[in-house]
Amino acid sequence: MEAKGQPMIWKEKSDLKLVLVLNDFIEKTGITSVRLYQKCLKDRPKEAPSLWFITQKYGSKR
């Protein structure tokens, strides 16, 4: 667990932990689309990484 008051540093997390956090967030909130992910993330910004971070880390490398 994160220490109280410490910011969540997503880039320091392993890929497995990130996938588990994303999966938990999606299941807990019932997300079915990217738009709904953004809306839920706006209400709970510290529970999951932003779409920008996900795209930068896992997006296609053209």
N, C-alpha and C. Protein backbone atom coordinates (compact mmCIF):
# COMPACT_ATOMS: atom_id res chain seq x y z
N MET A 1 0.83 -1.19 0.00
CA MET A 1 0.00 0.00 0.00
C MET A 1 0.87 1.24 0.00
N GLU A 2 0.31 2.30 -0.53
CA GLU A 2 1.01 3.58 -0.57
C GLU A 2 0.89 4.25 0.79
N ALA A 3 1.95 4.93 1.19
CA ALA A 3 1.91 5.69 2.43
C ALA A 3 0.92 6.84 2.27
N LYS A 4 0.22 7.14 3.34
CA LYS A 4 -0.78 8.21 3.27
C LYS A 4 -0.10 9.53 2.92
N GLY A 5 -0.68 10.25 1.98
CA GLY A 5 -0.13 11.53 1.57
C GLY A 5 0.91 11.45 0.48
N GLN A 6 1.33 10.26 0.10
CA GLN A 6 2.32 10.10 -0.95
C GLN A 6 1.61 10.01 -2.31
N PRO A 7 2.11 10.70 -3.33
CA PRO A 7 1.48 10.62 -4.64
C PRO A 7 1.72 9.25 -5.29
N MET A 8 0.76 8.83 -6.12
CA MET A 8 0.89 7.57 -6.85
C MET A 8 1.80 7.83 -8.05
N ILE A 9 2.87 7.09 -8.16
CA ILE A 9 3.80 7.22 -9.27
C ILE A 9 3.59 6.01 -10.18
N TRP A 10 2.79 6.18 -11.22
CA TRP A 10 2.45 5.06 -12.08
C TRP A 10 3.65 4.51 -12.82
N LYS A 11 4.57 5.38 -13.24
CA LYS A 11 5.70 4.89 -14.04
C LYS A 11 6.65 4.02 -13.24
N GLU A 12 6.55 4.04 -11.92
CA GLU A 12 7.39 3.19 -11.07
C GLU A 12 6.78 1.80 -10.84
N LYS A 13 5.54 1.62 -11.26
CA LYS A 13 4.86 0.34 -11.06
C LYS A 13 5.24 -0.64 -12.16
N SER A 14 5.25 -1.92 -11.82
CA SER A 14 5.53 -2.94 -12.83
C SER A 14 4.32 -3.09 -13.75
N ASP A 15 4.54 -3.68 -14.91
CA ASP A 15 3.45 -3.88 -15.86
C ASP A 15 2.33 -4.71 -15.26
N LEU A 16 2.67 -5.74 -14.51
CA LEU A 16 1.66 -6.59 -13.89
C LEU A 16 0.80 -5.79 -12.91
N LYS A 17 1.43 -4.98 -12.06
CA LYS A 17 0.66 -4.18 -11.10
C LYS A 17 -0.24 -3.18 -11.81
N LEU A 18 0.26 -2.58 -12.89
CA LEU A 18 -0.57 -1.64 -13.65
C LEU A 18 -1.79 -2.32 -14.25
N VAL A 19 -1.58 -3.49 -14.83
CA VAL A 19 -2.69 -4.22 -15.43
C VAL A 19 -3.71 -4.61 -14.36
N LEU A 20 -3.23 -5.03 -13.20
CA LEU A 20 -4.14 -5.39 -12.11
C LEU A 20 -4.93 -4.18 -11.62
N VAL A 21 -4.28 -3.03 -11.50
CA VAL A 21 -4.96 -1.80 -11.09
C VAL A 21 -6.02 -1.41 -12.11
N LEU A 22 -5.64 -1.46 -13.39
CA LEU A 22 -6.60 -1.13 -14.46
C LEU A 22 -7.79 -2.08 -14.45
N ASN A 23 -7.52 -3.36 -14.34
CA ASN A 23 -8.58 -4.36 -14.33
C ASN A 23 -9.52 -4.14 -13.14
N ASP A 24 -8.97 -3.91 -11.98
CA ASP A 24 -9.78 -3.67 -10.78
C ASP A 24 -10.64 -2.42 -10.95
N PHE A 25 -10.06 -1.35 -11.46
CA PHE A 25 -10.79 -0.09 -11.67
C PHE A 25 -11.92 -0.28 -12.67
N ILE A 26 -11.65 -0.99 -13.76
CA ILE A 26 -12.66 -1.22 -14.79
C ILE A 26 -13.79 -2.08 -14.25
N GLU A 27 -13.47 -3.14 -13.53
CA GLU A 27 -14.51 -4.01 -12.97
C GLU A 27 -15.33 -3.30 -11.90
N LYS A 28 -14.66 -2.54 -11.05
CA LYS A 28 -15.33 -1.86 -9.94
C LYS A 28 -16.31 -0.80 -10.44
N THR A 29 -15.96 -0.11 -11.51
CA THR A 29 -16.80 0.98 -12.01
C THR A 29 -17.70 0.57 -13.17
N GLY A 30 -17.53 -0.64 -13.70
CA GLY A 30 -18.37 -1.11 -14.79
C GLY A 30 -18.11 -0.39 -16.11
N ILE A 31 -16.88 -0.05 -16.36
CA ILE A 31 -16.50 0.70 -17.56
C ILE A 31 -16.64 -0.18 -18.80
N THR A 32 -17.26 0.41 -19.84
CA THR A 32 -17.43 -0.31 -21.10
C THR A 32 -16.87 0.44 -22.29
N SER A 33 -16.37 1.65 -22.08
CA SER A 33 -15.82 2.44 -23.18
C SER A 33 -14.72 3.37 -22.68
N VAL A 34 -13.94 3.89 -23.61
CA VAL A 34 -12.87 4.83 -23.25
C VAL A 34 -13.48 6.10 -22.68
N ARG A 35 -14.57 6.55 -23.26
CA ARG A 35 -15.24 7.77 -22.77
C ARG A 35 -15.68 7.60 -21.32
N LEU A 36 -16.23 6.45 -20.99
CA LEU A 36 -16.66 6.18 -19.62
C LEU A 36 -15.45 6.07 -18.69
N TYR A 37 -14.34 5.52 -19.19
CA TYR A 37 -13.10 5.45 -18.40
C TYR A 37 -12.66 6.86 -18.02
N GLN A 38 -12.66 7.77 -19.00
CA GLN A 38 -12.25 9.15 -18.73
C GLN A 38 -13.18 9.82 -17.72
N LYS A 39 -14.47 9.57 -17.83
CA LYS A 39 -15.44 10.16 -16.91
C LYS A 39 -15.23 9.63 -15.49
N CYS A 40 -15.06 8.33 -15.36
CA CYS A 40 -14.83 7.73 -14.04
C CYS A 40 -13.50 8.18 -13.46
N LEU A 41 -12.50 8.32 -14.30
CA LEU A 41 -11.18 8.77 -13.85
C LEU A 41 -11.23 10.21 -13.36
N LYS A 42 -12.09 11.01 -13.97
CA LYS A 42 -12.26 12.40 -13.53
C LYS A 42 -12.79 12.45 -12.11
N ASP A 43 -13.68 11.51 -11.77
CA ASP A 43 -14.25 11.45 -10.42
C ASP A 43 -13.29 10.82 -9.41
N ARG A 44 -12.41 9.94 -9.89
CA ARG A 44 -11.45 9.23 -9.02
C ARG A 44 -10.06 9.26 -9.64
N PRO A 45 -9.41 10.42 -9.66
CA PRO A 45 -8.15 10.57 -10.42
C PRO A 45 -6.96 9.79 -9.89
N LYS A 46 -6.98 9.36 -8.64
CA LYS A 46 -5.81 8.68 -8.08
C LYS A 46 -5.94 7.16 -8.10
N GLU A 47 -7.06 6.65 -8.60
CA GLU A 47 -7.29 5.21 -8.57
C GLU A 47 -6.70 4.47 -9.76
N ALA A 48 -6.47 5.16 -10.87
CA ALA A 48 -5.95 4.50 -12.07
C ALA A 48 -5.17 5.52 -12.90
N PRO A 49 -4.27 5.03 -13.76
CA PRO A 49 -3.48 5.95 -14.59
C PRO A 49 -4.33 6.59 -15.70
N SER A 50 -3.86 7.73 -16.16
CA SER A 50 -4.57 8.46 -17.22
C SER A 50 -4.42 7.75 -18.56
N LEU A 51 -5.30 8.10 -19.48
CA LEU A 51 -5.19 7.54 -20.82
C LEU A 51 -3.89 7.96 -21.50
N TRP A 52 -3.44 9.19 -21.22
CA TRP A 52 -2.18 9.66 -21.79
C TRP A 52 -1.04 8.72 -21.36
N PHE A 53 -0.99 8.38 -20.07
CA PHE A 53 0.06 7.49 -19.57
C PHE A 53 -0.04 6.12 -20.23
N ILE A 54 -1.23 5.58 -20.32
CA ILE A 54 -1.44 4.25 -20.91
C ILE A 54 -0.99 4.26 -22.38
N THR A 55 -1.36 5.30 -23.11
CA THR A 55 -0.97 5.41 -24.51
C THR A 55 0.53 5.54 -24.67
N GLN A 56 1.16 6.33 -23.82
CA GLN A 56 2.60 6.51 -23.89
C GLN A 56 3.34 5.21 -23.58
N LYS A 57 2.85 4.46 -22.60
CA LYS A 57 3.54 3.24 -22.18
C LYS A 57 3.24 2.05 -23.09
N TYR A 58 1.98 1.91 -23.53
CA TYR A 58 1.58 0.71 -24.26
C TYR A 58 1.11 0.96 -25.68
N GLY A 59 1.05 2.23 -26.09
CA GLY A 59 0.56 2.56 -27.43
C GLY A 59 1.49 2.04 -28.51
N SER A 60 0.99 2.06 -29.72
CA SER A 60 1.80 1.56 -30.84
C SER A 60 2.98 2.48 -31.10
N LYS A 61 4.07 1.89 -31.49
CA LYS A 61 5.31 2.62 -31.80
C LYS A 61 5.41 2.74 -33.31
N ARG A 62 5.00 3.83 -33.87
CA ARG A 62 5.03 4.01 -35.33
C ARG A 62 6.34 4.56 -35.77
